[in-house]
Full PDB file with SEQRES, HELIX, SHEET, SSBOND, CRYST1, ORIGX, SCALE, CONECT and MASTER records, all heavy atoms in Angstrom:
SEQRES   1 A   36  GLY GLY ILE ARG THR THR VAL GLY ALA THR ARG ALA ALA          
SEQRES   2 A   36  SER ASP ASP ASP LEU ARG ALA THR VAL GLY ARG LEU HIS          
SEQRES   3 A   36  ALA GLU MET LEU ARG GLN GLY THR THR THR                      
HELIX    1 AA1 ILE A    3  ALA A   12  1                                  10    
HELIX    2 AA2 ASP A   15  ARG A   31  1                                  17    
CRYST1    1.000    1.000    1.000  90.00  90.00  90.00 P 1           1          
ORIGX1      1.000000  0.000000  0.000000        0.00000                         
ORIGX2      0.000000  1.000000  0.000000        0.00000                         
ORIGX3      0.000000  0.000000  1.000000        0.00000                         
SCALE1      1.000000  0.000000  0.000000        0.00000                         
SCALE2      0.000000  1.000000  0.000000        0.00000                         
SCALE3      0.000000  0.000000  1.000000        0.00000                         
ATOM      1  N   GLY A   1       0.803  -1.250   0.009  1.00  0.00           N  
ATOM      2  CA  GLY A   1       0.012   0.018  -0.043  1.00  0.00           C  
ATOM      3  C   GLY A   1       0.803   1.280  -0.042  1.00  0.00           C  
ATOM      4  O   GLY A   1       0.276   2.344  -0.445  1.00  0.00           O  
ATOM      5  N   GLY A   2       2.079   1.234   0.465  1.00  0.00           N  
ATOM      6  CA  GLY A   2       2.862   2.375   0.553  1.00  0.00           C  
ATOM      7  C   GLY A   2       3.277   2.892  -0.874  1.00  0.00           C  
ATOM      8  O   GLY A   2       3.831   4.038  -0.936  1.00  0.00           O  
ATOM      9  N   ILE A   3       3.069   2.206  -1.892  1.00  0.00           N  
ATOM     10  CA  ILE A   3       3.417   2.629  -3.205  1.00  0.00           C  
ATOM     11  C   ILE A   3       2.777   3.998  -3.518  1.00  0.00           C  
ATOM     12  O   ILE A   3       3.451   4.824  -4.068  1.00  0.00           O  
ATOM     13  CB  ILE A   3       3.026   1.565  -4.298  1.00  0.00           C  
ATOM     14  CG1 ILE A   3       3.922   0.332  -4.196  1.00  0.00           C  
ATOM     15  CG2 ILE A   3       3.150   2.159  -5.659  1.00  0.00           C  
ATOM     16  CD1 ILE A   3       3.430  -0.846  -4.946  1.00  0.00           C  
ATOM     17  N   ARG A   4       1.509   4.082  -3.100  1.00  0.00           N  
ATOM     18  CA  ARG A   4       0.864   5.379  -3.418  1.00  0.00           C  
ATOM     19  C   ARG A   4       1.569   6.626  -2.683  1.00  0.00           C  
ATOM     20  O   ARG A   4       1.409   7.731  -3.145  1.00  0.00           O  
ATOM     21  CB  ARG A   4      -0.616   5.289  -3.026  1.00  0.00           C  
ATOM     22  CG  ARG A   4      -1.419   4.252  -3.860  1.00  0.00           C  
ATOM     23  CD  ARG A   4      -2.893   4.343  -3.509  1.00  0.00           C  
ATOM     24  NE  ARG A   4      -3.588   3.404  -4.441  1.00  0.00           N  
ATOM     25  CZ  ARG A   4      -3.866   2.151  -4.068  1.00  0.00           C  
ATOM     26  NH1 ARG A   4      -3.414   1.707  -2.967  1.00  0.00           N  
ATOM     27  NH2 ARG A   4      -4.562   1.375  -4.916  1.00  0.00           N  
ATOM     28  N   THR A   5       2.173   6.406  -1.542  1.00  0.00           N  
ATOM     29  CA  THR A   5       2.876   7.526  -0.925  1.00  0.00           C  
ATOM     30  C   THR A   5       4.014   7.976  -1.848  1.00  0.00           C  
ATOM     31  O   THR A   5       4.198   9.168  -2.020  1.00  0.00           O  
ATOM     32  CB  THR A   5       3.536   6.997   0.390  1.00  0.00           C  
ATOM     33  OG1 THR A   5       2.456   6.509   1.240  1.00  0.00           O  
ATOM     34  CG2 THR A   5       4.296   8.086   1.045  1.00  0.00           C  
ATOM     35  N   THR A   6       4.746   7.040  -2.420  1.00  0.00           N  
ATOM     36  CA  THR A   6       5.777   7.424  -3.347  1.00  0.00           C  
ATOM     37  C   THR A   6       5.329   8.104  -4.562  1.00  0.00           C  
ATOM     38  O   THR A   6       5.871   8.975  -5.183  1.00  0.00           O  
ATOM     39  CB  THR A   6       6.676   6.241  -3.694  1.00  0.00           C  
ATOM     40  OG1 THR A   6       7.279   5.689  -2.500  1.00  0.00           O  
ATOM     41  CG2 THR A   6       7.782   6.539  -4.648  1.00  0.00           C  
ATOM     42  N   VAL A   7       4.085   7.612  -5.090  1.00  0.00           N  
ATOM     43  CA  VAL A   7       3.501   8.204  -6.270  1.00  0.00           C  
ATOM     44  C   VAL A   7       3.193   9.708  -6.000  1.00  0.00           C  
ATOM     45  O   VAL A   7       3.547  10.584  -6.861  1.00  0.00           O  
ATOM     46  CB  VAL A   7       2.120   7.477  -6.623  1.00  0.00           C  
ATOM     47  CG1 VAL A   7       1.358   8.299  -7.696  1.00  0.00           C  
ATOM     48  CG2 VAL A   7       2.432   6.127  -7.087  1.00  0.00           C  
ATOM     49  N   GLY A   8       2.721  10.065  -4.853  1.00  0.00           N  
ATOM     50  CA  GLY A   8       2.418  11.490  -4.589  1.00  0.00           C  
ATOM     51  C   GLY A   8       3.677  12.309  -4.594  1.00  0.00           C  
ATOM     52  O   GLY A   8       3.740  13.372  -5.202  1.00  0.00           O  
ATOM     53  N   ALA A   9       4.813  11.780  -4.008  1.00  0.00           N  
ATOM     54  CA  ALA A   9       5.995  12.536  -3.940  1.00  0.00           C  
ATOM     55  C   ALA A   9       6.676  12.631  -5.370  1.00  0.00           C  
ATOM     56  O   ALA A   9       7.291  13.635  -5.669  1.00  0.00           O  
ATOM     57  CB  ALA A   9       7.022  11.833  -2.957  1.00  0.00           C  
ATOM     58  N   THR A  10       6.571  11.591  -6.118  1.00  0.00           N  
ATOM     59  CA  THR A  10       7.178  11.509  -7.414  1.00  0.00           C  
ATOM     60  C   THR A  10       6.468  12.556  -8.366  1.00  0.00           C  
ATOM     61  O   THR A  10       7.062  13.266  -9.125  1.00  0.00           O  
ATOM     62  CB  THR A  10       7.110  10.103  -8.045  1.00  0.00           C  
ATOM     63  OG1 THR A  10       7.773   9.249  -7.119  1.00  0.00           O  
ATOM     64  CG2 THR A  10       7.766  10.087  -9.370  1.00  0.00           C  
ATOM     65  N   ARG A  11       5.173  12.557  -8.315  1.00  0.00           N  
ATOM     66  CA  ARG A  11       4.394  13.535  -9.117  1.00  0.00           C  
ATOM     67  C   ARG A  11       4.813  14.989  -8.822  1.00  0.00           C  
ATOM     68  O   ARG A  11       4.842  15.857  -9.755  1.00  0.00           O  
ATOM     69  CB  ARG A  11       2.944  13.390  -8.871  1.00  0.00           C  
ATOM     70  CG  ARG A  11       2.312  12.051  -9.513  1.00  0.00           C  
ATOM     71  CD  ARG A  11       0.871  11.899  -9.143  1.00  0.00           C  
ATOM     72  NE  ARG A  11       0.320  10.758  -9.852  1.00  0.00           N  
ATOM     73  CZ  ARG A  11      -1.015  10.356  -9.631  1.00  0.00           C  
ATOM     74  NH1 ARG A  11      -1.828  11.109  -8.876  1.00  0.00           N  
ATOM     75  NH2 ARG A  11      -1.480   9.324 -10.260  1.00  0.00           N  
ATOM     76  N   ALA A  12       5.082  15.244  -7.528  1.00  0.00           N  
ATOM     77  CA  ALA A  12       5.397  16.594  -7.164  1.00  0.00           C  
ATOM     78  C   ALA A  12       6.851  17.010  -7.417  1.00  0.00           C  
ATOM     79  O   ALA A  12       7.175  18.180  -7.368  1.00  0.00           O  
ATOM     80  CB  ALA A  12       5.117  16.800  -5.650  1.00  0.00           C  
ATOM     81  N   ALA A  13       7.691  16.038  -7.750  1.00  0.00           N  
ATOM     82  CA  ALA A  13       9.125  16.286  -7.961  1.00  0.00           C  
ATOM     83  C   ALA A  13       9.433  16.829  -9.365  1.00  0.00           C  
ATOM     84  O   ALA A  13       8.701  16.612 -10.303  1.00  0.00           O  
ATOM     85  CB  ALA A  13       9.940  15.030  -7.763  1.00  0.00           C  
ATOM     86  N   SER A  14      10.502  17.641  -9.472  1.00  0.00           N  
ATOM     87  CA  SER A  14      10.858  18.169 -10.758  1.00  0.00           C  
ATOM     88  C   SER A  14      11.648  17.045 -11.459  1.00  0.00           C  
ATOM     89  O   SER A  14      12.151  16.108 -10.924  1.00  0.00           O  
ATOM     90  CB  SER A  14      11.765  19.340 -10.527  1.00  0.00           C  
ATOM     91  OG  SER A  14      13.049  18.983  -9.952  1.00  0.00           O  
ATOM     92  N   ASP A  15      11.877  17.293 -12.778  1.00  0.00           N  
ATOM     93  CA  ASP A  15      12.654  16.435 -13.597  1.00  0.00           C  
ATOM     94  C   ASP A  15      14.120  16.308 -12.971  1.00  0.00           C  
ATOM     95  O   ASP A  15      14.721  15.202 -12.920  1.00  0.00           O  
ATOM     96  CB  ASP A  15      12.737  16.904 -15.040  1.00  0.00           C  
ATOM     97  CG  ASP A  15      11.496  16.626 -15.839  1.00  0.00           C  
ATOM     98  OD1 ASP A  15      10.494  16.288 -15.231  1.00  0.00           O  
ATOM     99  OD2 ASP A  15      11.491  16.764 -17.028  1.00  0.00           O  
ATOM    100  N   ASP A  16      14.646  17.529 -12.572  1.00  0.00           N  
ATOM    101  CA  ASP A  16      15.967  17.449 -12.124  1.00  0.00           C  
ATOM    102  C   ASP A  16      16.144  16.691 -10.805  1.00  0.00           C  
ATOM    103  O   ASP A  16      17.145  16.054 -10.635  1.00  0.00           O  
ATOM    104  CB  ASP A  16      16.473  18.978 -11.847  1.00  0.00           C  
ATOM    105  CG  ASP A  16      16.745  19.643 -13.168  1.00  0.00           C  
ATOM    106  OD1 ASP A  16      16.934  18.992 -14.184  1.00  0.00           O  
ATOM    107  OD2 ASP A  16      16.859  20.878 -13.150  1.00  0.00           O  
ATOM    108  N   ASP A  17      15.070  16.801  -9.936  1.00  0.00           N  
ATOM    109  CA  ASP A  17      15.089  16.042  -8.706  1.00  0.00           C  
ATOM    110  C   ASP A  17      15.043  14.493  -9.027  1.00  0.00           C  
ATOM    111  O   ASP A  17      15.839  13.735  -8.404  1.00  0.00           O  
ATOM    112  CB  ASP A  17      13.906  16.346  -7.793  1.00  0.00           C  
ATOM    113  CG  ASP A  17      14.044  17.774  -7.208  1.00  0.00           C  
ATOM    114  OD1 ASP A  17      15.194  18.296  -7.164  1.00  0.00           O  
ATOM    115  OD2 ASP A  17      12.954  18.362  -6.795  1.00  0.00           O  
ATOM    116  N   LEU A  18      14.227  14.099  -9.945  1.00  0.00           N  
ATOM    117  CA  LEU A  18      14.174  12.683 -10.251  1.00  0.00           C  
ATOM    118  C   LEU A  18      15.494  12.229 -10.874  1.00  0.00           C  
ATOM    119  O   LEU A  18      15.939  11.161 -10.576  1.00  0.00           O  
ATOM    120  CB  LEU A  18      12.953  12.438 -11.219  1.00  0.00           C  
ATOM    121  CG  LEU A  18      11.597  12.714 -10.666  1.00  0.00           C  
ATOM    122  CD1 LEU A  18      10.521  12.420 -11.694  1.00  0.00           C  
ATOM    123  CD2 LEU A  18      11.346  11.873  -9.400  1.00  0.00           C  
ATOM    124  N   ARG A  19      16.017  13.037 -11.792  1.00  0.00           N  
ATOM    125  CA  ARG A  19      17.251  12.706 -12.406  1.00  0.00           C  
ATOM    126  C   ARG A  19      18.353  12.568 -11.434  1.00  0.00           C  
ATOM    127  O   ARG A  19      19.235  11.631 -11.535  1.00  0.00           O  
ATOM    128  CB  ARG A  19      17.623  13.749 -13.473  1.00  0.00           C  
ATOM    129  CG  ARG A  19      18.913  13.335 -14.321  1.00  0.00           C  
ATOM    130  CD  ARG A  19      19.030  14.410 -15.382  1.00  0.00           C  
ATOM    131  NE  ARG A  19      17.953  14.380 -16.443  1.00  0.00           N  
ATOM    132  CZ  ARG A  19      16.997  15.248 -16.580  1.00  0.00           C  
ATOM    133  NH1 ARG A  19      16.935  16.312 -15.790  1.00  0.00           N  
ATOM    134  NH2 ARG A  19      16.101  15.127 -17.508  1.00  0.00           N  
ATOM    135  N   ALA A  20      18.372  13.413 -10.437  1.00  0.00           N  
ATOM    136  CA  ALA A  20      19.457  13.339  -9.432  1.00  0.00           C  
ATOM    137  C   ALA A  20      19.360  11.996  -8.604  1.00  0.00           C  
ATOM    138  O   ALA A  20      20.384  11.406  -8.216  1.00  0.00           O  
ATOM    139  CB  ALA A  20      19.337  14.568  -8.462  1.00  0.00           C  
ATOM    140  N   THR A  21      18.093  11.632  -8.274  1.00  0.00           N  
ATOM    141  CA  THR A  21      18.017  10.359  -7.543  1.00  0.00           C  
ATOM    142  C   THR A  21      18.383   9.191  -8.324  1.00  0.00           C  
ATOM    143  O   THR A  21      19.140   8.274  -7.848  1.00  0.00           O  
ATOM    144  CB  THR A  21      16.396  10.208  -7.122  1.00  0.00           C  
ATOM    145  OG1 THR A  21      16.120  11.225  -6.220  1.00  0.00           O  
ATOM    146  CG2 THR A  21      16.257   8.850  -6.432  1.00  0.00           C  
ATOM    147  N   VAL A  22      18.003   9.067  -9.607  1.00  0.00           N  
ATOM    148  CA  VAL A  22      18.458   8.019 -10.430  1.00  0.00           C  
ATOM    149  C   VAL A  22      19.881   8.033 -10.589  1.00  0.00           C  
ATOM    150  O   VAL A  22      20.616   6.886 -10.502  1.00  0.00           O  
ATOM    151  CB  VAL A  22      17.799   8.083 -11.862  1.00  0.00           C  
ATOM    152  CG1 VAL A  22      18.271   6.955 -12.735  1.00  0.00           C  
ATOM    153  CG2 VAL A  22      16.235   7.979 -11.776  1.00  0.00           C  
ATOM    154  N   GLY A  23      20.574   9.208 -10.735  1.00  0.00           N  
ATOM    155  CA  GLY A  23      22.020   9.313 -10.918  1.00  0.00           C  
ATOM    156  C   GLY A  23      22.753   8.808  -9.682  1.00  0.00           C  
ATOM    157  O   GLY A  23      23.742   8.176  -9.748  1.00  0.00           O  
ATOM    158  N   ARG A  24      22.170   9.208  -8.505  1.00  0.00           N  
ATOM    159  CA  ARG A  24      22.849   8.777  -7.230  1.00  0.00           C  
ATOM    160  C   ARG A  24      22.785   7.285  -7.050  1.00  0.00           C  
ATOM    161  O   ARG A  24      23.758   6.659  -6.747  1.00  0.00           O  
ATOM    162  CB  ARG A  24      22.098   9.523  -6.099  1.00  0.00           C  
ATOM    163  CG  ARG A  24      22.555   9.007  -4.750  1.00  0.00           C  
ATOM    164  CD  ARG A  24      21.859   9.796  -3.613  1.00  0.00           C  
ATOM    165  NE  ARG A  24      20.358   9.667  -3.665  1.00  0.00           N  
ATOM    166  CZ  ARG A  24      19.726   8.690  -3.193  1.00  0.00           C  
ATOM    167  NH1 ARG A  24      20.308   7.659  -2.547  1.00  0.00           N  
ATOM    168  NH2 ARG A  24      18.358   8.721  -3.188  1.00  0.00           N  
ATOM    169  N   LEU A  25      21.601   6.772  -7.343  1.00  0.00           N  
ATOM    170  CA  LEU A  25      21.509   5.294  -7.163  1.00  0.00           C  
ATOM    171  C   LEU A  25      22.228   4.499  -8.214  1.00  0.00           C  
ATOM    172  O   LEU A  25      22.819   3.414  -7.917  1.00  0.00           O  
ATOM    173  CB  LEU A  25      20.030   4.844  -7.142  1.00  0.00           C  
ATOM    174  CG  LEU A  25      19.200   5.366  -5.933  1.00  0.00           C  
ATOM    175  CD1 LEU A  25      17.746   5.212  -6.174  1.00  0.00           C  
ATOM    176  CD2 LEU A  25      19.645   4.788  -4.656  1.00  0.00           C  
ATOM    177  N   HIS A  26      22.275   4.999  -9.416  1.00  0.00           N  
ATOM    178  CA  HIS A  26      22.964   4.329 -10.514  1.00  0.00           C  
ATOM    179  C   HIS A  26      24.528   4.361 -10.166  1.00  0.00           C  
ATOM    180  O   HIS A  26      25.177   3.364 -10.359  1.00  0.00           O  
ATOM    181  CB  HIS A  26      22.703   5.089 -11.826  1.00  0.00           C  
ATOM    182  CG  HIS A  26      23.262   4.406 -13.029  1.00  0.00           C  
ATOM    183  ND1 HIS A  26      24.493   4.653 -13.525  1.00  0.00           N  
ATOM    184  CD2 HIS A  26      22.838   3.371 -13.824  1.00  0.00           C  
ATOM    185  CE1 HIS A  26      24.758   4.001 -14.602  1.00  0.00           C  
ATOM    186  NE2 HIS A  26      23.640   3.158 -14.814  1.00  0.00           N  
ATOM    187  N   ALA A  27      24.990   5.470  -9.617  1.00  0.00           N  
ATOM    188  CA  ALA A  27      26.432   5.488  -9.217  1.00  0.00           C  
ATOM    189  C   ALA A  27      26.678   4.600  -8.022  1.00  0.00           C  
ATOM    190  O   ALA A  27      27.768   3.956  -8.071  1.00  0.00           O  
ATOM    191  CB  ALA A  27      26.719   6.967  -8.875  1.00  0.00           C  
ATOM    192  N   GLU A  28      25.768   4.450  -7.046  1.00  0.00           N  
ATOM    193  CA  GLU A  28      25.956   3.468  -6.033  1.00  0.00           C  
ATOM    194  C   GLU A  28      26.029   2.064  -6.621  1.00  0.00           C  
ATOM    195  O   GLU A  28      26.960   1.262  -6.168  1.00  0.00           O  
ATOM    196  CB  GLU A  28      24.690   3.505  -5.125  1.00  0.00           C  
ATOM    197  CG  GLU A  28      24.678   4.472  -4.021  1.00  0.00           C  
ATOM    198  CD  GLU A  28      23.462   4.264  -3.178  1.00  0.00           C  
ATOM    199  OE1 GLU A  28      22.712   3.304  -3.195  1.00  0.00           O  
ATOM    200  OE2 GLU A  28      23.201   5.242  -2.352  1.00  0.00           O  
ATOM    201  N   MET A  29      25.154   1.748  -7.523  1.00  0.00           N  
ATOM    202  CA  MET A  29      25.213   0.386  -8.139  1.00  0.00           C  
ATOM    203  C   MET A  29      26.570   0.143  -8.806  1.00  0.00           C  
ATOM    204  O   MET A  29      27.164  -0.963  -8.674  1.00  0.00           O  
ATOM    205  CB  MET A  29      24.094   0.259  -9.096  1.00  0.00           C  
ATOM    206  CG  MET A  29      22.698   0.183  -8.404  1.00  0.00           C  
ATOM    207  SD  MET A  29      21.396   0.016  -9.673  1.00  0.00           S  
ATOM    208  CE  MET A  29      20.025  -0.538  -8.618  1.00  0.00           C  
ATOM    209  N   LEU A  30      27.003   1.095  -9.564  1.00  0.00           N  
ATOM    210  CA  LEU A  30      28.232   0.967 -10.335  1.00  0.00           C  
ATOM    211  C   LEU A  30      29.362   0.653  -9.318  1.00  0.00           C  
ATOM    212  O   LEU A  30      30.240  -0.111  -9.531  1.00  0.00           O  
ATOM    213  CB  LEU A  30      28.476   2.153 -11.219  1.00  0.00           C  
ATOM    214  CG  LEU A  30      29.660   2.040 -12.226  1.00  0.00           C  
ATOM    215  CD1 LEU A  30      29.436   0.899 -13.149  1.00  0.00           C  
ATOM    216  CD2 LEU A  30      29.856   3.397 -12.957  1.00  0.00           C  
ATOM    217  N   ARG A  31      29.445   1.478  -8.233  1.00  0.00           N  
ATOM    218  CA  ARG A  31      30.556   1.253  -7.301  1.00  0.00           C  
ATOM    219  C   ARG A  31      30.511  -0.136  -6.665  1.00  0.00           C  
ATOM    220  O   ARG A  31      31.546  -0.643  -6.250  1.00  0.00           O  
ATOM    221  CB  ARG A  31      30.418   2.313  -6.077  1.00  0.00           C  
ATOM    222  CG  ARG A  31      30.754   3.726  -6.566  1.00  0.00           C  
ATOM    223  CD  ARG A  31      30.983   4.574  -5.319  1.00  0.00           C  
ATOM    224  NE  ARG A  31      29.862   4.651  -4.432  1.00  0.00           N  
ATOM    225  CZ  ARG A  31      28.872   5.562  -4.525  1.00  0.00           C  
ATOM    226  NH1 ARG A  31      28.928   6.464  -5.578  1.00  0.00           N  
ATOM    227  NH2 ARG A  31      27.856   5.635  -3.730  1.00  0.00           N  
ATOM    228  N   GLN A  32      29.373  -0.723  -6.634  1.00  0.00           N  
ATOM    229  CA  GLN A  32      29.256  -2.092  -6.053  1.00  0.00           C  
ATOM    230  C   GLN A  32      29.204  -3.206  -7.126  1.00  0.00           C  
ATOM    231  O   GLN A  32      28.912  -4.274  -6.799  1.00  0.00           O  
ATOM    232  CB  GLN A  32      27.884  -2.131  -5.216  1.00  0.00           C  
ATOM    233  CG  GLN A  32      27.947  -1.190  -4.040  1.00  0.00           C  
ATOM    234  CD  GLN A  32      26.634  -1.148  -3.328  1.00  0.00           C  
ATOM    235  OE1 GLN A  32      26.373  -1.838  -2.354  1.00  0.00           O  
ATOM    236  NE2 GLN A  32      25.745  -0.293  -3.805  1.00  0.00           N  
ATOM    237  N   GLY A  33      29.639  -2.764  -8.291  1.00  0.00           N  
ATOM    238  CA  GLY A  33      29.865  -3.820  -9.358  1.00  0.00           C  
ATOM    239  C   GLY A  33      28.805  -4.021 -10.369  1.00  0.00           C  
ATOM    240  O   GLY A  33      28.831  -4.939 -11.190  1.00  0.00           O  
ATOM    241  N   THR A  34      27.666  -3.336 -10.242  1.00  0.00           N  
ATOM    242  CA  THR A  34      26.514  -3.459 -11.189  1.00  0.00           C  
ATOM    243  C   THR A  34      26.877  -2.619 -12.460  1.00  0.00           C  
ATOM    244  O   THR A  34      26.924  -1.383 -12.344  1.00  0.00           O  
ATOM    245  CB  THR A  34      25.178  -3.052 -10.573  1.00  0.00           C  
ATOM    246  OG1 THR A  34      24.899  -3.981  -9.551  1.00  0.00           O  
ATOM    247  CG2 THR A  34      24.130  -3.123 -11.606  1.00  0.00           C  
ATOM    248  N   THR A  35      27.078  -3.277 -13.545  1.00  0.00           N  
ATOM    249  CA  THR A  35      27.361  -2.579 -14.822  1.00  0.00           C  
ATOM    250  C   THR A  35      26.196  -2.597 -15.814  1.00  0.00           C  
ATOM    251  O   THR A  35      26.239  -1.854 -16.784  1.00  0.00           O  
ATOM    252  CB  THR A  35      28.557  -3.244 -15.527  1.00  0.00           C  
ATOM    253  OG1 THR A  35      28.399  -4.613 -15.565  1.00  0.00           O  
ATOM    254  CG2 THR A  35      29.811  -2.957 -14.696  1.00  0.00           C  
ATOM    255  N   THR A  36      25.149  -3.298 -15.523  1.00  0.00           N  
ATOM    256  CA  THR A  36      23.886  -3.338 -16.304  1.00  0.00           C  
ATOM    257  C   THR A  36      22.686  -3.300 -15.337  1.00  0.00           C  
ATOM    258  O   THR A  36      22.609  -4.075 -14.458  1.00  0.00           O  
ATOM    259  CB  THR A  36      23.829  -4.614 -17.211  1.00  0.00           C  
ATOM    260  OG1 THR A  36      24.924  -4.607 -18.123  1.00  0.00           O  
ATOM    261  CG2 THR A  36      22.568  -4.471 -18.077  1.00  0.00           C  
TER     262      THR A  36                                                      
MASTER        0    0    0    2    0    0    0    6  261    1    0    3          
END                                                                             
């Protein structure tokens, strides 16, 4: 049920905010060996 909480926050976020989150997590993954 908590998915809807994230939906509200995501709708309210800017493109730059969403891009920054993806970039941060993508970089975390790469540092831990995830390349795809």
